[in-house]
Amino acid sequence: MKKISTSAQPPAVKSKPAARVRKPAASASLATVKSGRQRAAAPDALPVEPVDTSYLRTLVGYNARRASLAIIETFMVRMAPYDLKVVDFSVLSLVAHNPGITSRQLCAALNVLPPNLVGLIAALERRGLIERLPHPSDGRAMGVHLTPQGVELMAQAEQTAFGLEMDATSRLTDAERKTLIRLLQKVYTPAD
């Protein structure tokens, strides 16, 4: 997955990097996140002067990324009991709604390169969530299907995903939520 820069400066503008000063901190005042980076915990944090984000807030990419980060953070917490990451959930959901889908179709639907999908499919198969069976119309392809364990897990996980989406967008009306989804799809779906 590509890292998205949230720098407020256009690439043509160069600035001197800020000096990094490492201050010792009490272990209770730091929260370690999954990436290994540390951030200050709220109770001991010093007040931060507000910064002007007005330009960034005019960018679709910035706003989409901020919304995505907020939802994905909640997603990861709520999917932890199922041991599912975003990509695992996406693959399993596509398989659940398209029994017999091929790896090629999965790659196209998720915009994933085939080598990246191979390990993911193998891991889900080792967990007993999917199985590969000969495709009924293409003798060279294998169709991917959920196992009974996969069906059960996805029924629960999709219900959890629906709940977290509703929670994450609780300040939107149903009409606004539908409009947001439709507009985001217009951004990433190729024109006909």
C-alpha atoms as a PDB file:
ATOM      1  CA  MET A   1       0.000   0.000   0.000  1.00  0.00           C
ATOM      2  CA  LYS A   2       1.394   3.392  -0.953  1.00  0.00           C
ATOM      3  CA  LYS A   3       2.070   5.886   1.777  1.00  0.00           C
ATOM      4  CA  ILE A   4       0.191   9.118   1.271  1.00  0.00           C
ATOM      5  CA  SER A   5       2.011  12.279   2.155  1.00  0.00           C
ATOM      6  CA  THR A   6       0.095  14.741   4.251  1.00  0.00           C
ATOM      7  CA  SER A   7       2.636  17.509   3.779  1.00  0.00           C
ATOM      8  CA  ALA A   8       1.076  20.925   3.397  1.00  0.00           C
ATOM      9  CA  GLN A   9       3.794  22.053   0.967  1.00  0.00           C
ATOM     10  CA  PRO A  10       3.716  21.285  -2.759  1.00  0.00           C
ATOM     11  CA  PRO A  11       6.643  19.141  -3.952  1.00  0.00           C
ATOM     12  CA  ALA A  12       8.348  22.113  -5.644  1.00  0.00           C
ATOM     13  CA  VAL A  13       8.701  23.962  -2.340  1.00  0.00           C
ATOM     14  CA  LYS A  14      11.613  22.791  -0.220  1.00  0.00           C
ATOM     15  CA  SER A  15      12.000  23.573   3.419  1.00  0.00           C
ATOM     16  CA  LYS A  16      14.671  22.775   5.950  1.00  0.00           C
ATOM     17  CA  PRO A  17      13.832  19.736   8.076  1.00  0.00           C
ATOM     18  CA  ALA A  18      12.983  20.544  11.650  1.00  0.00           C
ATOM     19  CA  ALA A  19      15.551  19.500  14.196  1.00  0.00           C
ATOM     20  CA  ARG A  20      14.448  16.394  16.043  1.00  0.00           C
ATOM     21  CA  VAL A  21      14.838  16.566  19.767  1.00  0.00           C
ATOM     22  CA  ARG A  22      14.273  13.402  21.689  1.00  0.00           C
ATOM     23  CA  LYS A  23      13.009  13.959  25.192  1.00  0.00           C
ATOM     24  CA  PRO A  24      12.883  11.187  27.749  1.00  0.00           C
ATOM     25  CA  ALA A  25       9.328  10.300  28.616  1.00  0.00           C
ATOM     26  CA  ALA A  26       7.690   8.283  31.335  1.00  0.00           C
ATOM     27  CA  SER A  27       6.460   4.979  29.982  1.00  0.00           C
ATOM     28  CA  ALA A  28       2.927   5.763  31.145  1.00  0.00           C
ATOM     29  CA  SER A  29       2.814   8.910  29.006  1.00  0.00           C
ATOM     30  CA  LEU A  30       3.522   7.169  25.721  1.00  0.00           C
ATOM     31  CA  ALA A  31       1.179   4.997  23.738  1.00  0.00           C
ATOM     32  CA  THR A  32       2.837   2.618  21.312  1.00  0.00           C
ATOM     33  CA  VAL A  33       0.883   2.060  18.151  1.00  0.00           C
ATOM     34  CA  LYS A  34       1.110  -1.026  15.959  1.00  0.00           C
ATOM     35  CA  SER A  35       3.654   0.552  13.593  1.00  0.00           C
ATOM     36  CA  GLY A  36       6.136   0.864  16.447  1.00  0.00           C
ATOM     37  CA  ARG A  37       5.941   4.655  16.541  1.00  0.00           C
ATOM     38  CA  GLN A  38       5.133   6.317  19.812  1.00  0.00           C
ATOM     39  CA  ARG A  39       2.788   9.181  20.424  1.00  0.00           C
ATOM     40  CA  ALA A  40       2.138  11.243  23.495  1.00  0.00           C
ATOM     41  CA  ALA A  41      -0.830  10.145  25.558  1.00  0.00           C
ATOM     42  CA  ALA A  42      -3.481  12.797  26.098  1.00  0.00           C
ATOM     43  CA  PRO A  43      -3.185  13.374  29.884  1.00  0.00           C
ATOM     44  CA  ASP A  44       0.505  14.357  29.786  1.00  0.00           C
ATOM     45  CA  ALA A  45       0.473  16.045  26.368  1.00  0.00           C
ATOM     46  CA  LEU A  46       1.393  19.684  26.151  1.00  0.00           C
ATOM     47  CA  PRO A  47      -1.135  21.932  24.416  1.00  0.00           C
ATOM     48  CA  VAL A  48      -0.470  22.252  20.701  1.00  0.00           C
ATOM     49  CA  GLU A  49      -0.920  25.553  18.962  1.00  0.00           C
ATOM     50  CA  PRO A  50      -3.592  25.316  16.246  1.00  0.00           C
ATOM     51  CA  VAL A  51      -2.249  25.165  12.712  1.00  0.00           C
ATOM     52  CA  ASP A  52      -3.794  26.402   9.501  1.00  0.00           C
ATOM     53  CA  THR A  53      -5.111  23.367   7.593  1.00  0.00           C
ATOM     54  CA  SER A  54      -7.444  25.385   5.378  1.00  0.00           C
ATOM     55  CA  TYR A  55      -5.605  24.501   2.163  1.00  0.00           C
ATOM     56  CA  LEU A  56      -5.414  20.781   2.975  1.00  0.00           C
ATOM     57  CA  ARG A  57      -9.108  20.756   3.826  1.00  0.00           C
ATOM     58  CA  THR A  58      -9.864  21.810   0.225  1.00  0.00           C
ATOM     59  CA  LEU A  59      -8.218  18.642  -1.154  1.00  0.00           C
ATOM     60  CA  VAL A  60     -10.323  15.562  -1.838  1.00  0.00           C
ATOM     61  CA  GLY A  61      -7.370  13.250  -1.193  1.00  0.00           C
ATOM     62  CA  TYR A  62      -6.600  14.793   2.186  1.00  0.00           C
ATOM     63  CA  ASN A  63     -10.212  14.578   3.342  1.00  0.00           C
ATOM     64  CA  ALA A  64     -10.678  11.057   1.970  1.00  0.00           C
ATOM     65  CA  ARG A  65      -7.500   9.909   3.707  1.00  0.00           C
ATOM     66  CA  ARG A  66      -8.472  11.492   7.037  1.00  0.00           C
ATOM     67  CA  ALA A  67     -11.909   9.853   6.879  1.00  0.00           C
ATOM     68  CA  SER A  68     -10.339   6.544   5.869  1.00  0.00           C
ATOM     69  CA  LEU A  69      -7.867   6.632   8.755  1.00  0.00           C
ATOM     70  CA  ALA A  70     -10.649   7.297  11.256  1.00  0.00           C
ATOM     71  CA  ILE A  71     -12.735   4.401   9.954  1.00  0.00           C
ATOM     72  CA  ILE A  72      -9.828   1.976   9.534  1.00  0.00           C
ATOM     73  CA  GLU A  73      -8.653   2.561  13.107  1.00  0.00           C
ATOM     74  CA  THR A  74     -12.089   1.533  14.383  1.00  0.00           C
ATOM     75  CA  PHE A  75     -12.226  -1.299  11.832  1.00  0.00           C
ATOM     76  CA  MET A  76      -8.962  -2.792  13.090  1.00  0.00           C
ATOM     77  CA  VAL A  77     -10.151  -2.738  16.699  1.00  0.00           C
ATOM     78  CA  ARG A  78     -13.518  -4.299  15.929  1.00  0.00           C
ATOM     79  CA  MET A  79     -12.114  -6.899  13.516  1.00  0.00           C
ATOM     80  CA  ALA A  80      -9.401  -8.021  15.971  1.00  0.00           C
ATOM     81  CA  PRO A  81     -11.643 -10.747  17.465  1.00  0.00           C
ATOM     82  CA  TYR A  82     -11.935 -12.231  13.947  1.00  0.00           C
ATOM     83  CA  ASP A  83      -8.196 -11.763  13.265  1.00  0.00           C
ATOM     84  CA  LEU A  84      -9.027  -9.914  10.041  1.00  0.00           C
ATOM     85  CA  LYS A  85      -7.169  -7.042   8.430  1.00  0.00           C
ATOM     86  CA  VAL A  86      -8.848  -4.778   5.874  1.00  0.00           C
ATOM     87  CA  VAL A  87      -7.561  -6.765   2.904  1.00  0.00           C
ATOM     88  CA  ASP A  88      -8.537 -10.116   4.506  1.00  0.00           C
ATOM     89  CA  PHE A  89     -12.048  -8.823   5.082  1.00  0.00           C
ATOM     90  CA  SER A  90     -12.268  -7.473   1.520  1.00  0.00           C
ATOM     91  CA  VAL A  91     -11.175 -10.769  -0.037  1.00  0.00           C
ATOM     92  CA  LEU A  92     -13.496 -12.842   2.153  1.00  0.00           C
ATOM     93  CA  SER A  93     -16.422 -10.513   1.462  1.00  0.00           C
ATOM     94  CA  LEU A  94     -15.875 -10.778  -2.291  1.00  0.00           C
ATOM     95  CA  VAL A  95     -15.664 -14.564  -2.030  1.00  0.00           C
ATOM     96  CA  ALA A  96     -18.820 -14.657   0.131  1.00  0.00           C
ATOM     97  CA  HIS A  97     -20.786 -12.640  -2.422  1.00  0.00           C
ATOM     98  CA  ASN A  98     -19.170 -14.260  -5.492  1.00  0.00           C
ATOM     99  CA  PRO A  99     -18.721 -17.992  -4.782  1.00  0.00           C
ATOM    100  CA  GLY A 100     -16.200 -19.476  -7.204  1.00  0.00           C
ATOM    101  CA  ILE A 101     -14.512 -16.131  -7.918  1.00  0.00           C
ATOM    102  CA  THR A 102     -11.063 -16.594  -9.455  1.00  0.00           C
ATOM    103  CA  SER A 103      -7.825 -15.084  -8.212  1.00  0.00           C
ATOM    104  CA  ARG A 104      -7.693 -13.013 -11.385  1.00  0.00           C
ATOM    105  CA  GLN A 105     -11.132 -11.556 -10.616  1.00  0.00           C
ATOM    106  CA  LEU A 106     -10.103 -10.840  -7.025  1.00  0.00           C
ATOM    107  CA  CYS A 107      -6.985  -8.992  -8.214  1.00  0.00           C
ATOM    108  CA  ALA A 108      -9.037  -6.885 -10.626  1.00  0.00           C
ATOM    109  CA  ALA A 109     -11.756  -6.074  -8.088  1.00  0.00           C
ATOM    110  CA  LEU A 110      -9.280  -5.071  -5.349  1.00  0.00           C
ATOM    111  CA  ASN A 111      -6.578  -3.575  -7.597  1.00  0.00           C
ATOM    112  CA  VAL A 112      -4.042  -6.005  -6.120  1.00  0.00           C
ATOM    113  CA  LEU A 113      -1.090  -7.547  -7.940  1.00  0.00           C
ATOM    114  CA  PRO A 114      -1.262 -11.357  -8.319  1.00  0.00           C
ATOM    115  CA  PRO A 115       1.934 -12.028  -6.307  1.00  0.00           C
ATOM    116  CA  ASN A 116       0.452 -10.093  -3.376  1.00  0.00           C
ATOM    117  CA  LEU A 117      -2.761 -12.116  -3.491  1.00  0.00           C
ATOM    118  CA  VAL A 118      -1.085 -15.536  -3.561  1.00  0.00           C
ATOM    119  CA  GLY A 119       0.168 -15.359   0.041  1.00  0.00           C
ATOM    120  CA  LEU A 120      -3.104 -13.908   1.277  1.00  0.00           C
ATOM    121  CA  ILE A 121      -5.154 -16.682  -0.333  1.00  0.00           C
ATOM    122  CA  ALA A 122      -2.771 -19.297   1.096  1.00  0.00           C
ATOM    123  CA  ALA A 123      -3.037 -17.799   4.605  1.00  0.00           C
ATOM    124  CA  LEU A 124      -6.852 -17.724   4.486  1.00  0.00           C
ATOM    125  CA  GLU A 125      -6.836 -21.302   3.228  1.00  0.00           C
ATOM    126  CA  ARG A 126      -4.533 -22.395   6.098  1.00  0.00           C
ATOM    127  CA  ARG A 127      -6.979 -20.790   8.541  1.00  0.00           C
ATOM    128  CA  GLY A 128      -9.730 -22.956   7.065  1.00  0.00           C
ATOM    129  CA  LEU A 129     -11.777 -19.963   5.835  1.00  0.00           C
ATOM    130  CA  ILE A 130     -11.580 -20.590   2.091  1.00  0.00           C
ATOM    131  CA  GLU A 131     -10.979 -23.453  -0.286  1.00  0.00           C
ATOM    132  CA  ARG A 132     -10.016 -23.575  -3.943  1.00  0.00           C
ATOM    133  CA  LEU A 133     -12.021 -25.818  -6.235  1.00  0.00           C
ATOM    134  CA  PRO A 134     -11.820 -26.356 -10.003  1.00  0.00           C
ATOM    135  CA  HIS A 135     -13.683 -23.623 -11.884  1.00  0.00           C
ATOM    136  CA  PRO A 136     -16.773 -25.051 -13.651  1.00  0.00           C
ATOM    137  CA  SER A 137     -16.196 -23.309 -16.998  1.00  0.00           C
ATOM    138  CA  ASP A 138     -12.426 -22.611 -17.069  1.00  0.00           C
ATOM    139  CA  GLY A 139     -10.379 -25.769 -16.666  1.00  0.00           C
ATOM    140  CA  ARG A 140      -7.212 -23.749 -16.022  1.00  0.00           C
ATOM    141  CA  ALA A 141      -8.655 -21.672 -13.172  1.00  0.00           C
ATOM    142  CA  MET A 142      -9.531 -22.442  -9.591  1.00  0.00           C
ATOM    143  CA  GLY A 143     -12.597 -20.915  -7.992  1.00  0.00           C
ATOM    144  CA  VAL A 144     -12.358 -19.618  -4.446  1.00  0.00           C
ATOM    145  CA  HIS A 145     -15.153 -20.547  -2.029  1.00  0.00           C
ATOM    146  CA  LEU A 146     -15.811 -19.959   1.662  1.00  0.00           C
ATOM    147  CA  THR A 147     -15.714 -22.989   3.894  1.00  0.00           C
ATOM    148  CA  PRO A 148     -18.513 -23.407   6.461  1.00  0.00           C
ATOM    149  CA  GLN A 149     -16.155 -21.797   9.010  1.00  0.00           C
ATOM    150  CA  GLY A 150     -15.572 -18.920   6.577  1.00  0.00           C
ATOM    151  CA  VAL A 151     -19.318 -18.461   6.039  1.00  0.00           C
ATOM    152  CA  GLU A 152     -19.904 -18.253   9.783  1.00  0.00           C
ATOM    153  CA  LEU A 153     -17.013 -15.851  10.365  1.00  0.00           C
ATOM    154  CA  MET A 154     -18.042 -13.540   7.508  1.00  0.00           C
ATOM    155  CA  ALA A 155     -21.661 -13.392   8.651  1.00  0.00           C
ATOM    156  CA  GLN A 156     -20.427 -12.050  11.988  1.00  0.00           C
ATOM    157  CA  ALA A 157     -17.665  -9.855  10.510  1.00  0.00           C
ATOM    158  CA  GLU A 158     -19.954  -8.207   7.944  1.00  0.00           C
ATOM    159  CA  GLN A 159     -22.483  -7.448  10.672  1.00  0.00           C
ATOM    160  CA  THR A 160     -19.671  -5.902  12.735  1.00  0.00           C
ATOM    161  CA  ALA A 161     -18.480  -3.911   9.703  1.00  0.00           C
ATOM    162  CA  PHE A 162     -21.994  -2.556   9.132  1.00  0.00           C
ATOM    163  CA  GLY A 163     -22.220  -1.458  12.756  1.00  0.00           C
ATOM    164  CA  LEU A 164     -18.859   0.272  12.724  1.00  0.00           C
ATOM    165  CA  GLU A 165     -19.704   2.074   9.481  1.00  0.00           C
ATOM    166  CA  MET A 166     -22.931   3.326  11.015  1.00  0.00           C
ATOM    167  CA  ASP A 167     -21.066   4.453  14.136  1.00  0.00           C
ATOM    168  CA  ALA A 168     -18.288   6.130  12.132  1.00  0.00           C
ATOM    169  CA  THR A 169     -20.798   8.049  10.004  1.00  0.00           C
ATOM    170  CA  SER A 170     -23.336   8.705  12.756  1.00  0.00           C
ATOM    171  CA  ARG A 171     -23.260  12.455  12.114  1.00  0.00           C
ATOM    172  CA  LEU A 172     -24.497  11.881   8.555  1.00  0.00           C
ATOM    173  CA  THR A 173     -28.079  11.318   7.534  1.00  0.00           C
ATOM    174  CA  ASP A 174     -28.850   8.176   5.524  1.00  0.00           C
ATOM    175  CA  ALA A 175     -29.097  10.343   2.401  1.00  0.00           C
ATOM    176  CA  GLU A 176     -25.739  12.003   3.124  1.00  0.00           C
ATOM    177  CA  ARG A 177     -24.105   8.606   3.714  1.00  0.00           C
ATOM    178  CA  LYS A 178     -25.422   7.295   0.380  1.00  0.00           C
ATOM    179  CA  THR A 179     -24.305  10.471  -1.385  1.00  0.00           C
ATOM    180  CA  LEU A 180     -20.825  10.254   0.154  1.00  0.00           C
ATOM    181  CA  ILE A 181     -20.431   6.654  -0.980  1.00  0.00           C
ATOM    182  CA  ARG A 182     -21.678   7.497  -4.481  1.00  0.00           C
ATOM    183  CA  LEU A 183     -19.307  10.470  -4.801  1.00  0.00           C
ATOM    184  CA  LEU A 184     -16.290   8.513  -3.536  1.00  0.00           C
ATOM    185  CA  GLN A 185     -17.085   5.758  -6.049  1.00  0.00           C
ATOM    186  CA  LYS A 186     -17.125   8.366  -8.824  1.00  0.00           C
ATOM    187  CA  VAL A 187     -13.597   9.353  -7.848  1.00  0.00           C
ATOM    188  CA  TYR A 188     -12.060   5.861  -8.037  1.00  0.00           C
ATOM    189  CA  THR A 189     -14.245   4.171 -10.682  1.00  0.00           C
ATOM    190  CA  PRO A 190     -12.951   4.610 -14.241  1.00  0.00           C
ATOM    191  CA  ALA A 191     -15.220   6.516 -16.605  1.00  0.00           C
ATOM    192  CA  ASP A 192     -17.085   4.414 -19.177  1.00  0.00           C
END
